[in-house]
Protein backbone atom coordinates (compact mmCIF):
# COMPACT_ATOMS: atom_id res chain seq x y z
CA UNK A 1 -6.46 20.17 5.38
CA UNK A 2 -8.72 18.59 8.05
CA UNK A 3 -7.65 18.60 11.64
CA UNK A 4 -7.20 14.82 11.61
CA UNK A 5 -4.81 15.14 8.63
CA UNK A 6 -2.60 17.91 10.14
CA UNK A 7 0.98 16.95 10.74
CA UNK A 8 2.00 16.39 14.30
CA UNK A 9 5.45 16.12 15.67
CA UNK A 10 4.48 12.90 17.51
CA UNK A 11 2.35 10.95 15.01
CA UNK A 12 1.78 10.44 11.30
CA UNK A 13 -1.20 12.14 9.63
CA UNK A 14 -4.37 10.12 8.87
CA UNK A 15 -3.48 9.69 5.16
CA UNK A 16 -0.08 8.12 5.94
CA UNK A 17 -1.56 5.88 8.64
CA UNK A 18 -4.37 4.78 6.27
CA UNK A 19 -1.91 4.02 3.45
CA UNK A 20 0.29 2.09 5.91
CA UNK A 21 -2.46 -0.20 7.15
CA UNK A 22 -3.98 -0.64 3.69
CA UNK A 23 -0.53 -1.71 2.58
CA UNK A 24 -0.36 -4.18 5.39
CA UNK A 25 -3.74 -5.58 4.37
CA UNK A 26 -2.52 -5.86 0.74
CA UNK A 27 0.68 -7.65 1.81
CA UNK A 28 -1.45 -10.17 3.72
CA UNK A 29 -3.65 -10.66 0.69
CA UNK A 30 -0.63 -11.05 -1.64
CA UNK A 31 0.92 -13.73 0.50
CA UNK A 32 -2.37 -15.57 1.32
CA UNK A 33 -3.43 -15.67 -2.30
CA UNK A 34 -0.16 -17.36 -3.33
CA UNK A 35 -0.07 -19.71 -0.31
CA UNK A 36 -3.74 -20.75 -0.78
CA UNK A 37 -3.53 -21.28 -4.58
CA UNK A 38 -2.16 -24.80 -3.94
CA UNK A 39 -5.50 -25.78 -2.38
CA UNK A 40 -6.85 -25.75 -5.90
CA UNK A 41 -5.79 -28.04 -8.73
CA UNK A 42 -4.02 -26.44 -11.73
CA UNK A 43 -6.40 -25.08 -14.28
CA UNK A 44 -9.40 -24.73 -11.90
CA UNK A 45 -11.30 -21.47 -11.51
CA UNK A 46 -10.29 -21.30 -7.76
CA UNK A 47 -6.64 -21.52 -8.51
CA UNK A 48 -6.96 -19.00 -11.30
CA UNK A 49 -8.76 -16.63 -8.92
CA UNK A 50 -5.97 -16.95 -6.32
CA UNK A 51 -3.30 -16.24 -8.98
CA UNK A 52 -5.21 -13.27 -10.52
CA UNK A 53 -5.94 -11.90 -7.07
CA UNK A 54 -2.25 -12.12 -6.34
CA UNK A 55 -1.45 -10.07 -9.42
CA UNK A 56 -3.99 -7.40 -8.61
CA UNK A 57 -2.95 -7.08 -4.94
CA UNK A 58 0.70 -6.66 -6.07
CA UNK A 59 -0.25 -4.01 -8.61
CA UNK A 60 -2.26 -2.18 -5.95
CA UNK A 61 0.80 -2.21 -3.65
CA UNK A 62 2.82 -0.66 -6.46
CA UNK A 63 0.14 2.06 -7.01
CA UNK A 64 -0.07 2.72 -3.31
CA UNK A 65 3.71 3.09 -3.11
CA UNK A 66 3.57 6.25 -5.24
CA UNK A 67 0.95 7.80 -2.92
CA UNK A 68 2.87 6.52 0.09
CA UNK A 69 6.14 8.10 -1.01
CA UNK A 70 4.38 11.41 -1.71
CA UNK A 71 2.79 11.37 1.74
CA UNK A 72 5.97 10.26 3.42
CA UNK A 73 8.05 13.16 1.89
CA UNK A 74 5.19 15.67 2.42
CA UNK A 75 5.26 15.19 6.22
CA UNK A 76 8.39 14.95 8.30
CA UNK A 77 8.77 11.71 10.20
CA UNK A 78 7.35 12.16 13.74
CA UNK A 79 9.83 11.92 16.57
CA UNK A 80 10.13 8.95 18.70
CA UNK A 81 9.95 9.55 22.45
CA UNK A 82 12.15 8.75 24.21
CA UNK A 83 14.67 9.01 21.27
CA UNK A 84 16.32 5.90 19.87
CA UNK A 85 20.08 5.28 19.96
CA UNK A 86 21.76 6.09 16.65
CA UNK A 87 22.28 2.45 15.71
CA UNK A 88 18.53 1.78 16.06
CA UNK A 89 17.72 4.77 13.91
CA UNK A 90 20.08 3.44 11.17
CA UNK A 91 18.71 -0.05 11.47
CA UNK A 92 15.12 1.25 11.21
CA UNK A 93 15.98 3.34 8.10
CA UNK A 94 17.64 0.27 6.55
CA UNK A 95 14.61 -1.94 7.15
CA UNK A 96 12.21 0.77 5.87
CA UNK A 97 14.36 1.27 2.70
CA UNK A 98 14.36 -2.50 2.18
CA UNK A 99 10.53 -2.68 2.57
CA UNK A 100 10.06 0.23 0.10
CA UNK A 101 12.35 -1.55 -2.36
CA UNK A 102 10.33 -4.67 -1.92
CA UNK A 103 7.13 -2.76 -2.65
CA UNK A 104 8.61 -1.52 -5.88
CA UNK A 105 10.71 -4.43 -7.07
CA UNK A 106 8.30 -7.31 -6.33
CA UNK A 107 5.37 -6.11 -8.47
CA UNK A 108 7.79 -5.18 -11.27
CA UNK A 109 9.33 -8.61 -11.18
CA UNK A 110 5.80 -10.14 -11.19
CA UNK A 111 4.88 -8.10 -14.21
CA UNK A 112 8.06 -9.02 -16.06
CA UNK A 113 7.53 -12.68 -15.09
CA UNK A 114 3.93 -12.62 -16.56
CA UNK A 115 5.27 -11.05 -19.77
CA UNK A 116 8.04 -13.55 -20.15
CA UNK A 117 5.56 -16.37 -19.45
CA UNK A 118 3.11 -14.90 -22.01
CA UNK A 119 0.42 -14.67 -19.31
CA UNK A 120 -2.06 -11.86 -20.18
CA UNK A 121 -3.08 -9.72 -17.22
CA UNK A 122 -6.23 -7.68 -17.03
CA UNK A 123 -6.28 -4.98 -14.42
CA UNK A 124 -9.72 -3.53 -13.75
CA UNK A 125 -10.77 -4.37 -17.27
CA UNK A 126 -7.61 -3.14 -19.04
CA UNK A 127 -5.15 -5.61 -20.47
CA UNK A 128 -1.67 -4.58 -19.47
CA UNK A 129 0.91 -4.65 -22.24
CA UNK A 130 3.76 -7.16 -22.18
CA UNK A 131 6.82 -5.58 -20.83
CA UNK A 132 9.34 -8.02 -22.31
CA UNK A 133 9.37 -10.76 -24.94
CA UNK A 134 8.11 -14.23 -24.14
CA UNK A 135 11.04 -16.45 -23.06
CA UNK A 136 10.89 -19.57 -20.87
CA UNK A 137 14.38 -19.22 -19.51
CA UNK A 138 13.86 -15.62 -18.56
CA UNK A 139 10.48 -16.53 -17.00
CA UNK A 140 12.14 -19.21 -14.88
CA UNK A 141 14.90 -16.78 -13.73
CA UNK A 142 12.36 -14.13 -12.88
CA UNK A 143 10.18 -16.60 -10.98
CA UNK A 144 13.20 -17.63 -8.92
CA UNK A 145 14.00 -13.99 -8.15
CA UNK A 146 10.31 -13.27 -7.27
CA UNK A 147 10.25 -16.26 -4.91
CA UNK A 148 13.52 -15.13 -3.22
CA UNK A 149 12.09 -11.63 -2.85
CA UNK A 150 8.85 -13.11 -1.33
CA UNK A 151 10.95 -14.99 1.26
CA UNK A 152 12.98 -11.89 2.01
CA UNK A 153 9.68 -10.02 2.32
CA UNK A 154 8.44 -12.47 5.01
CA UNK A 155 11.52 -11.69 7.08
CA UNK A 156 11.50 -7.92 6.54
CA UNK A 157 7.79 -7.63 7.43
CA UNK A 158 8.33 -9.85 10.40
CA UNK A 159 11.30 -7.82 11.61
CA UNK A 160 9.36 -4.61 11.12
CA UNK A 161 6.35 -5.82 13.03
CA UNK A 162 8.35 -7.36 15.89
CA UNK A 163 10.44 -4.16 16.22
CA UNK A 164 7.24 -2.11 16.47
CA UNK A 165 5.88 -4.49 19.16
CA UNK A 166 9.24 -4.49 20.95
CA UNK A 167 9.25 -0.66 21.03
CA UNK A 168 5.62 -0.53 22.20
CA UNK A 169 5.69 -3.21 24.91
CA UNK A 170 9.32 -3.40 26.03
CA UNK A 171 10.73 0.03 25.43
CA UNK A 172 7.36 1.70 25.90
CA UNK A 173 8.14 4.54 23.46
CA UNK A 174 5.69 6.02 20.93
CA UNK A 175 6.98 4.16 17.82
CA UNK A 176 3.79 2.12 17.31
CA UNK A 177 1.45 4.90 18.49
CA UNK A 178 2.75 7.10 15.72
CA UNK A 179 1.17 4.87 13.20
CA UNK A 180 -2.18 4.48 14.91
CA UNK A 181 -5.56 6.09 14.22
CA UNK A 182 -5.82 7.32 17.85
CA UNK A 183 -5.95 11.05 18.32
């Protein structure tokens, strides 16, 4: 294990930090690709690119989640100094659990939606198998769930980011520093 990847009681290791910020980048790409798809008319290459990119970014989040969970359980969570009140610890754990759930459920809902809509998906040259039978009513229901999840995701990510900034600039603790690349 390299010195930069050694666990510290006050910060996450480099692998965890890298995965965190890569996931942030992927979330931005997921949301931007869906929001910007409407710039292009239906059936155009630009719109298809936005939609396909959205699928790929979502699958990448799902794949990174496995690595992220392994890294998270391999290293204990660094302490926050000064320590948080118990209610803040519980709230932080709840938001983290909700974000992890989002990272799992949203890509799965998306894959189920594509299957129900009979949309073939190629991921790095490999066509992914359909997970469920084609069914328009199921596809519509899954699309509604996926859109609700996306809206919830906006709020969860916003709360998470604002809480980190609040801790850094108002409470002046090491919450945000724990997830930085600084030594």
